[in-house]
């Protein structure tokens, strides 16, 4: 199997130049490239196992041929380069480099080893110099007053400044949070933060139970809800008295309704009574109407 491997560090670079040289080298050696492996936008300091190169190294075997444009395409570190080439030597895969005129048929040759080390150290030095020049350029631009990073106000709550009335209008019209996200092109966390900072009025909508009758668990939950539903007034009165779910279970059993405390908890959660139950047990009983009205309990049931 004859492989051609190409790699570029950024998406703006092109691998076509490398491929032309590799194809020409293959023709001179009497080979045809059977499979291309390309790492686009991947740094040479990244370990082979985190690149497509790693998968290639796992499947190469004796008699295979790997052609690259230059050794620095395999890695920008001397020791990484030695590991990769040594692995290919151990499995019997021949490595050819176009620009470096290097091949692993020279295994054991002192001159070949020295050349490999020289190419590796030059690749590492080149990369270190690139990093150094980049950092120097950034420091120079900072001293000149250039501000790096995202412009102030390009995102976050500041992006919604001046749109308070429009946002409140959408909220009052009953728009869902997903609609607001699409309309203002920000995520819901940003919208909620802006609402809190500006003191806007927003009441989250409660989701109604969505039963999947094909699911046995949902079917059982619906059956339990139907059992407890006629006794909603009893449940509310027991909450007023500070009773627990176990007490409610016993009271319902006297009415001929057999449920568990967890069934009652699930019922209160689905019908917006759980918050009122928790507040009642915390000693706050004046908000009964606030919580019970949301569950559409009639005035006669609240008496």
Protein backbone atom coordinates (compact mmCIF):
# COMPACT_ATOMS: atom_id res chain seq x y z
CA UNK A 1 0.00 0.00 0.00
CA UNK A 2 1.38 3.41 -0.98
CA UNK A 3 0.25 6.33 1.21
CA UNK A 4 0.65 10.05 0.64
CA UNK A 5 0.55 12.21 3.78
CA UNK A 6 0.04 15.99 3.74
CA UNK A 7 -0.42 18.48 6.58
CA UNK A 8 -0.96 22.22 6.88
CA UNK A 9 -1.10 24.23 10.10
CA UNK A 10 -3.96 26.59 9.16
CA UNK A 11 -7.12 26.37 7.08
CA UNK A 12 -5.82 29.21 4.88
CA UNK A 13 -2.97 27.03 3.60
CA UNK A 14 -3.35 24.61 0.70
CA UNK A 15 -2.17 21.00 0.47
CA UNK A 16 -2.21 20.87 -3.33
CA UNK A 17 1.44 21.98 -3.63
CA UNK A 18 2.52 19.16 -1.33
CA UNK A 19 0.47 16.63 -3.29
CA UNK A 20 2.09 17.62 -6.62
CA UNK A 21 5.57 17.01 -5.22
CA UNK A 22 4.52 13.70 -3.63
CA UNK A 23 2.97 12.44 -6.88
CA UNK A 24 6.11 13.34 -8.84
CA UNK A 25 8.28 11.53 -6.26
CA UNK A 26 6.04 8.47 -6.42
CA UNK A 27 6.30 8.33 -10.23
CA UNK A 28 10.10 8.54 -10.06
CA UNK A 29 10.11 5.58 -7.66
CA UNK A 30 7.62 3.65 -9.79
CA UNK A 31 4.67 3.96 -7.37
CA UNK A 32 1.10 5.24 -7.59
CA UNK A 33 -0.47 6.92 -4.55
CA UNK A 34 -3.27 4.58 -3.43
CA UNK A 35 -4.53 6.54 -0.42
CA UNK A 36 -4.18 10.15 0.75
CA UNK A 37 -4.13 11.11 4.43
CA UNK A 38 -4.60 14.81 5.07
CA UNK A 39 -4.40 16.76 8.35
CA UNK A 40 -5.82 20.18 7.51
CA UNK A 41 -5.34 22.99 10.01
CA UNK A 42 -3.44 20.79 12.48
CA UNK A 43 -0.25 21.89 14.23
CA UNK A 44 2.84 19.74 13.90
CA UNK A 45 3.39 19.78 17.67
CA UNK A 46 0.14 17.85 18.21
CA UNK A 47 0.76 14.21 19.05
CA UNK A 48 0.23 11.76 16.14
CA UNK A 49 -2.50 9.98 18.11
CA UNK A 50 -4.59 13.17 17.99
CA UNK A 51 -4.18 13.44 14.22
CA UNK A 52 -5.18 11.31 11.28
CA UNK A 53 -1.50 10.40 11.10
CA UNK A 54 -1.97 8.31 14.25
CA UNK A 55 -4.58 6.09 12.55
CA UNK A 56 -2.25 5.71 9.58
CA UNK A 57 0.67 4.61 11.77
CA UNK A 58 -1.52 1.96 13.39
CA UNK A 59 -2.40 0.29 10.09
CA UNK A 60 0.90 0.49 8.16
CA UNK A 61 2.68 -2.86 7.78
CA UNK A 62 5.75 -4.37 6.20
CA UNK A 63 6.12 -3.46 2.54
CA UNK A 64 4.01 -0.30 2.76
CA UNK A 65 5.35 3.03 1.49
CA UNK A 66 4.73 6.46 3.03
CA UNK A 67 5.63 9.54 0.98
CA UNK A 68 5.66 13.04 2.47
CA UNK A 69 6.72 16.44 1.15
CA UNK A 70 9.20 17.02 4.00
CA UNK A 71 9.93 15.51 7.41
CA UNK A 72 8.56 18.53 9.25
CA UNK A 73 5.08 17.52 8.00
CA UNK A 74 5.27 14.50 10.35
CA UNK A 75 6.15 16.61 13.38
CA UNK A 76 7.83 19.79 14.56
CA UNK A 77 9.65 18.12 17.44
CA UNK A 78 12.91 16.17 17.13
CA UNK A 79 11.86 13.38 19.49
CA UNK A 80 8.39 13.09 17.96
CA UNK A 81 9.96 12.79 14.52
CA UNK A 82 12.34 10.09 15.73
CA UNK A 83 9.42 8.13 17.29
CA UNK A 84 7.38 8.23 14.09
CA UNK A 85 10.25 7.24 11.79
CA UNK A 86 11.41 4.53 14.21
CA UNK A 87 7.89 3.05 14.30
CA UNK A 88 7.80 2.92 10.51
CA UNK A 89 11.23 1.24 10.48
CA UNK A 90 10.13 -1.35 13.05
CA UNK A 91 7.05 -2.42 11.06
CA UNK A 92 8.94 -2.36 7.75
CA UNK A 93 7.24 0.69 6.22
CA UNK A 94 9.47 2.80 3.99
CA UNK A 95 9.30 6.58 4.41
CA UNK A 96 10.26 8.89 1.54
CA UNK A 97 10.60 12.66 1.87
CA UNK A 98 10.45 14.79 -1.29
CA UNK A 99 12.39 17.90 -0.25
CA UNK A 100 14.76 16.24 2.21
CA UNK A 101 15.72 13.35 -0.11
CA UNK A 102 15.38 11.01 2.87
CA UNK A 103 14.25 7.37 2.96
CA UNK A 104 14.35 4.73 5.67
CA UNK A 105 16.20 2.21 3.53
CA UNK A 106 19.22 3.87 5.16
CA UNK A 107 18.34 2.43 8.56
CA UNK A 108 21.49 1.78 10.53
CA UNK A 109 23.42 4.21 8.40
CA UNK A 110 25.13 6.78 10.63
CA UNK A 111 24.87 9.47 7.97
CA UNK A 112 21.12 8.84 7.58
CA UNK A 113 20.62 9.11 11.35
CA UNK A 114 22.54 12.37 11.46
CA UNK A 115 20.47 13.75 8.59
CA UNK A 116 17.23 12.76 10.32
CA UNK A 117 18.35 14.53 13.50
CA UNK A 118 19.40 17.59 11.52
CA UNK A 119 16.06 17.83 9.70
CA UNK A 120 14.20 17.35 12.98
CA UNK A 121 16.13 19.99 14.89
CA UNK A 122 15.75 22.47 12.03
CA UNK A 123 11.97 21.89 12.00
CA UNK A 124 11.78 22.46 15.76
CA UNK A 125 13.93 25.60 15.59
CA UNK A 126 11.78 26.94 12.74
CA UNK A 127 8.61 26.46 14.75
CA UNK A 128 10.10 28.03 17.88
CA UNK A 129 11.15 31.04 15.83
CA UNK A 130 7.64 31.38 14.38
CA UNK A 131 6.13 31.34 17.88
CA UNK A 132 8.69 33.85 19.13
CA UNK A 133 8.07 36.23 16.23
CA UNK A 134 4.32 35.97 16.73
CA UNK A 135 4.56 36.82 20.44
CA UNK A 136 6.91 39.72 19.70
CA UNK A 137 4.46 41.03 17.11
CA UNK A 138 1.58 40.84 19.59
CA UNK A 139 3.56 42.70 22.27
CA UNK A 140 4.55 45.40 19.77
CA UNK A 141 0.93 45.90 18.66
CA UNK A 142 -0.18 46.12 22.30
CA UNK A 143 2.38 48.86 22.96
CA UNK A 144 0.99 50.70 19.94
CA UNK A 145 -2.43 50.68 21.59
CA UNK A 146 -4.08 47.91 19.58
CA UNK A 147 -6.77 46.16 21.63
CA UNK A 148 -6.98 42.42 21.06
CA UNK A 149 -10.04 40.25 21.59
CA UNK A 150 -13.72 40.74 21.00
CA UNK A 151 -14.88 44.38 20.78
CA UNK A 152 -16.67 45.72 23.85
CA UNK A 153 -20.43 45.41 23.47
CA UNK A 154 -20.26 42.89 20.63
CA UNK A 155 -21.94 40.25 22.77
CA UNK A 156 -23.58 39.68 26.12
CA UNK A 157 -26.27 41.88 27.73
CA UNK A 158 -24.76 45.01 26.13
CA UNK A 159 -25.89 43.68 22.76
CA UNK A 160 -29.49 44.17 23.93
CA UNK A 161 -29.02 47.75 25.17
CA UNK A 162 -31.73 50.02 23.80
CA UNK A 163 -34.04 47.10 23.02
CA UNK A 164 -35.77 46.91 26.41
CA UNK A 165 -39.18 47.99 25.10
CA UNK A 166 -39.03 45.69 22.10
CA UNK A 167 -38.00 42.73 24.29
CA UNK A 168 -40.79 43.47 26.79
CA UNK A 169 -43.25 43.68 23.90
CA UNK A 170 -42.28 40.22 22.70
CA UNK A 171 -42.50 38.85 26.26
CA UNK A 172 -45.97 40.38 26.81
CA UNK A 173 -47.11 38.84 23.53
CA UNK A 174 -46.30 35.41 24.96
CA UNK A 175 -43.20 34.69 22.88
CA UNK A 176 -41.24 31.61 23.87
CA UNK A 177 -37.62 31.88 24.93
CA UNK A 178 -36.54 30.08 21.74
CA UNK A 179 -38.33 32.78 19.71
CA UNK A 180 -36.52 35.52 21.63
CA UNK A 181 -33.18 33.78 21.01
CA UNK A 182 -33.78 33.72 17.26
CA UNK A 183 -35.14 37.27 17.14
CA UNK A 184 -32.32 38.94 19.09
CA UNK A 185 -29.56 36.45 18.09
CA UNK A 186 -28.35 35.80 21.64
CA UNK A 187 -28.70 32.80 23.93
CA UNK A 188 -31.27 32.51 26.69
CA UNK A 189 -28.73 33.03 29.49
CA UNK A 190 -27.93 36.46 28.03
CA UNK A 191 -31.63 37.32 27.73
CA UNK A 192 -32.38 36.29 31.33
CA UNK A 193 -29.38 38.27 32.61
CA UNK A 194 -30.54 41.35 30.70
CA UNK A 195 -34.11 40.96 32.03
CA UNK A 196 -32.77 40.77 35.59
CA UNK A 197 -30.48 43.79 35.16
CA UNK A 198 -33.18 45.97 33.58
CA UNK A 199 -35.98 44.83 35.89
CA UNK A 200 -38.22 43.63 33.05
CA UNK A 201 -41.26 41.47 33.74
CA UNK A 202 -40.90 37.86 32.71
CA UNK A 203 -42.78 34.85 34.11
CA UNK A 204 -41.54 31.49 32.78
CA UNK A 205 -44.28 29.33 31.36
CA UNK A 206 -44.94 26.01 33.04
CA UNK A 207 -44.81 23.00 30.80
CA UNK A 208 -47.93 20.87 30.76
CA UNK A 209 -47.52 17.09 31.20
CA UNK A 210 -46.77 15.34 27.93
CA UNK A 211 -47.85 11.74 28.19
CA UNK A 212 -46.34 9.08 25.98
CA UNK A 213 -48.98 6.37 26.23
CA UNK A 214 -46.67 3.90 24.51
CA UNK A 215 -44.34 4.17 27.50
CA UNK A 216 -45.57 1.91 30.37
CA UNK A 217 -44.15 4.30 32.98
CA UNK A 218 -46.00 7.30 31.48
CA UNK A 219 -49.18 5.25 31.22
CA UNK A 220 -48.95 4.29 34.89
CA UNK A 221 -48.30 7.93 35.87
CA UNK A 222 -51.39 9.04 33.96
CA UNK A 223 -53.47 6.37 35.69
CA UNK A 224 -52.25 7.57 39.11
CA UNK A 225 -53.06 11.18 38.18
CA UNK A 226 -56.59 10.17 37.21
CA UNK A 227 -57.01 8.44 40.59
CA UNK A 228 -55.86 11.47 42.60
CA UNK A 229 -57.52 14.16 40.45
CA UNK A 230 -61.04 13.90 42.01
CA UNK A 231 -59.47 14.42 45.45
CA UNK A 232 -57.54 17.60 44.67
CA UNK A 233 -59.42 19.55 47.33
CA UNK A 234 -58.42 16.95 49.93
CA UNK A 235 -54.77 17.23 48.90
CA UNK A 236 -54.84 21.03 49.24
CA UNK A 237 -56.50 20.87 52.66
CA UNK A 238 -53.88 18.38 53.88
CA UNK A 239 -51.13 20.69 52.59
CA UNK A 240 -52.73 23.54 54.60
CA UNK A 241 -52.58 21.34 57.69
CA UNK A 242 -48.88 20.67 57.10
CA UNK A 243 -49.36 16.98 56.37
CA UNK A 244 -46.73 14.89 54.56
CA UNK A 245 -47.11 12.73 51.47
CA UNK A 246 -47.43 9.67 53.74
CA UNK A 247 -50.38 11.29 55.54
CA UNK A 248 -51.94 12.08 52.16
CA UNK A 249 -51.46 8.45 51.08
CA UNK A 250 -53.27 7.23 54.20
CA UNK A 251 -56.11 9.74 53.69
CA UNK A 252 -56.51 8.67 50.06
CA UNK A 253 -56.48 4.99 51.02
CA UNK A 254 -59.48 5.67 53.24
CA UNK A 255 -61.20 6.96 50.10
CA UNK A 256 -60.31 3.74 48.28
CA UNK A 257 -57.41 5.27 46.29
CA UNK A 258 -54.21 3.22 46.46
CA UNK A 259 -51.10 5.28 45.59
CA UNK A 260 -47.59 5.76 46.97
CA UNK A 261 -46.07 8.94 48.44
CA UNK A 262 -43.90 9.28 45.31
CA UNK A 263 -47.08 9.17 43.18
CA UNK A 264 -48.46 12.07 45.22
CA UNK A 265 -45.21 14.04 44.88
CA UNK A 266 -45.27 13.53 41.11
CA UNK A 267 -48.93 14.63 41.01
CA UNK A 268 -48.15 17.84 42.94
CA UNK A 269 -45.19 18.58 40.67
CA UNK A 270 -47.24 18.18 37.47
CA UNK A 271 -50.10 20.30 38.83
CA UNK A 272 -47.99 23.14 40.29
CA UNK A 273 -48.73 22.28 43.94
CA UNK A 274 -45.23 21.22 44.96
CA UNK A 275 -43.94 24.78 45.49
CA UNK A 276 -46.90 25.56 47.72
CA UNK A 277 -46.35 22.31 49.65
CA UNK A 278 -42.70 23.20 50.26
CA UNK A 279 -43.50 26.77 51.31
CA UNK A 280 -46.18 25.52 53.70
CA UNK A 281 -43.71 23.19 55.39
CA UNK A 282 -41.29 26.13 55.60
CA UNK A 283 -43.90 28.06 57.61
CA UNK A 284 -45.07 30.34 54.77
CA UNK A 285 -48.81 29.83 54.34
CA UNK A 286 -50.00 33.20 53.13
CA UNK A 287 -49.20 32.42 49.47
CA UNK A 288 -51.77 29.66 49.06
CA UNK A 289 -53.85 31.48 46.46
CA UNK A 290 -50.75 32.43 44.49
CA UNK A 291 -49.71 28.83 44.03
CA UNK A 292 -53.07 27.11 43.99
CA UNK A 293 -54.65 29.51 41.49
CA UNK A 294 -51.95 28.59 39.00
CA UNK A 295 -53.18 25.02 39.20
CA UNK A 296 -56.67 26.21 38.21
CA UNK A 297 -58.32 25.33 41.54
CA UNK A 298 -61.79 26.81 41.90
CA UNK A 299 -62.61 29.23 44.69
CA UNK A 300 -64.93 26.64 46.31
CA UNK A 301 -62.02 24.21 46.57
CA UNK A 302 -59.88 26.79 48.32
CA UNK A 303 -62.41 27.40 51.07
